[in-house]
């Protein structure tokens, strides 16, 4: 993943989802709805 601000947020979100935690604030992502899709895939 690119080492940009959005990439840093996405890495944090992916780590949280993989650990079964809430992803936190995703409002600054370009497509925050993708977090819901990823969460559904993991569960």
N, C-alpha and C. Protein backbone atom coordinates (compact mmCIF):
# COMPACT_ATOMS: atom_id res chain seq x y z
N UNK A 1 0.84 -1.18 0.00
CA UNK A 1 0.00 0.00 0.00
C UNK A 1 0.89 1.25 0.00
N UNK A 2 0.47 2.29 -0.68
CA UNK A 2 1.28 3.49 -0.73
C UNK A 2 1.41 4.14 0.65
N UNK A 3 2.51 4.82 0.86
CA UNK A 3 2.76 5.45 2.15
C UNK A 3 2.29 6.90 2.11
N UNK A 4 1.02 7.08 1.85
CA UNK A 4 0.40 8.39 1.85
C UNK A 4 -0.49 8.48 3.08
N UNK A 5 -1.06 9.65 3.31
CA UNK A 5 -1.94 9.82 4.45
C UNK A 5 -3.13 8.85 4.37
N UNK A 6 -3.74 8.75 3.21
CA UNK A 6 -4.86 7.84 3.04
C UNK A 6 -4.41 6.39 3.22
N UNK A 7 -3.23 6.06 2.74
CA UNK A 7 -2.69 4.72 2.92
C UNK A 7 -2.46 4.39 4.38
N UNK A 8 -1.99 5.37 5.14
CA UNK A 8 -1.75 5.18 6.56
C UNK A 8 -3.08 4.89 7.28
N UNK A 9 -4.09 5.63 6.93
CA UNK A 9 -5.41 5.41 7.53
C UNK A 9 -5.93 4.03 7.15
N UNK A 10 -5.78 3.66 5.88
CA UNK A 10 -6.29 2.37 5.42
C UNK A 10 -5.54 1.22 6.10
N UNK A 11 -4.24 1.35 6.30
CA UNK A 11 -3.49 0.31 7.01
C UNK A 11 -4.01 0.16 8.43
N UNK A 12 -4.31 1.28 9.10
CA UNK A 12 -4.85 1.25 10.46
C UNK A 12 -6.22 0.57 10.46
N UNK A 13 -7.05 0.91 9.49
CA UNK A 13 -8.39 0.32 9.39
C UNK A 13 -8.30 -1.18 9.14
N UNK A 14 -7.44 -1.60 8.22
CA UNK A 14 -7.29 -3.03 7.92
C UNK A 14 -6.76 -3.80 9.12
N UNK A 15 -5.84 -3.20 9.86
CA UNK A 15 -5.32 -3.86 11.06
C UNK A 15 -6.42 -4.02 12.10
N UNK A 16 -7.23 -3.01 12.28
CA UNK A 16 -8.32 -3.08 13.25
C UNK A 16 -9.34 -4.14 12.85
N UNK A 17 -9.71 -4.17 11.58
CA UNK A 17 -10.69 -5.16 11.11
C UNK A 17 -10.14 -6.57 11.28
N UNK A 18 -8.89 -6.77 10.95
CA UNK A 18 -8.31 -8.11 11.06
C UNK A 18 -8.18 -8.56 12.52
N UNK A 19 -8.10 -7.61 13.45
CA UNK A 19 -8.03 -7.94 14.87
C UNK A 19 -9.40 -7.96 15.53
N UNK A 20 -10.46 -7.80 14.76
CA UNK A 20 -11.82 -7.84 15.29
C UNK A 20 -12.23 -6.59 16.05
N UNK A 21 -11.55 -5.48 15.78
CA UNK A 21 -11.87 -4.22 16.45
C UNK A 21 -12.63 -3.31 15.50
N UNK A 22 -13.19 -2.26 16.07
CA UNK A 22 -13.88 -1.25 15.26
C UNK A 22 -12.85 -0.47 14.45
N UNK A 23 -13.15 -0.15 13.20
CA UNK A 23 -12.17 0.54 12.36
C UNK A 23 -11.92 1.99 12.75
N UNK A 24 -12.79 2.59 13.51
CA UNK A 24 -12.59 3.98 13.91
C UNK A 24 -13.06 4.95 12.84
N UNK A 25 -12.51 6.14 12.86
CA UNK A 25 -12.93 7.21 11.93
C UNK A 25 -12.37 6.95 10.54
N UNK A 26 -13.25 6.82 9.57
CA UNK A 26 -12.85 6.59 8.19
C UNK A 26 -13.37 7.70 7.28
N UNK A 27 -13.81 8.80 7.87
CA UNK A 27 -14.42 9.88 7.09
C UNK A 27 -13.44 10.56 6.14
N UNK A 28 -12.14 10.45 6.38
CA UNK A 28 -11.18 11.12 5.50
C UNK A 28 -10.77 10.27 4.31
N UNK A 29 -11.20 9.02 4.25
CA UNK A 29 -10.90 8.18 3.10
C UNK A 29 -11.69 8.64 1.89
N UNK A 30 -11.17 8.42 0.72
CA UNK A 30 -11.86 8.82 -0.50
C UNK A 30 -13.16 8.04 -0.67
N UNK A 31 -13.16 6.74 -0.31
CA UNK A 31 -14.34 5.89 -0.41
C UNK A 31 -14.56 5.16 0.91
N UNK A 32 -15.11 5.83 1.92
CA UNK A 32 -15.27 5.20 3.22
C UNK A 32 -16.21 4.00 3.21
N UNK A 33 -17.07 3.91 2.20
CA UNK A 33 -18.00 2.78 2.15
C UNK A 33 -17.30 1.46 1.87
N UNK A 34 -16.09 1.50 1.36
CA UNK A 34 -15.34 0.28 1.09
C UNK A 34 -15.00 -0.45 2.40
N UNK A 35 -14.92 0.27 3.51
CA UNK A 35 -14.62 -0.36 4.80
C UNK A 35 -15.74 -1.34 5.17
N UNK A 36 -16.99 -0.98 4.89
CA UNK A 36 -18.11 -1.89 5.15
C UNK A 36 -17.99 -3.15 4.32
N UNK A 37 -17.59 -3.00 3.07
CA UNK A 37 -17.42 -4.17 2.19
C UNK A 37 -16.32 -5.08 2.70
N UNK A 38 -15.21 -4.51 3.12
CA UNK A 38 -14.10 -5.30 3.66
C UNK A 38 -14.51 -6.01 4.93
N UNK A 39 -15.23 -5.31 5.79
CA UNK A 39 -15.69 -5.91 7.05
C UNK A 39 -16.59 -7.11 6.78
N UNK A 40 -17.47 -7.00 5.78
CA UNK A 40 -18.35 -8.12 5.43
C UNK A 40 -17.57 -9.31 4.89
N UNK A 41 -16.51 -9.05 4.16
CA UNK A 41 -15.70 -10.13 3.61
C UNK A 41 -14.95 -10.90 4.70
N UNK A 42 -14.53 -10.19 5.73
CA UNK A 42 -13.76 -10.80 6.80
C UNK A 42 -14.64 -11.65 7.70
N UNK A 43 -15.87 -11.23 7.89
CA UNK A 43 -16.78 -11.95 8.80
C UNK A 43 -17.38 -13.11 8.15
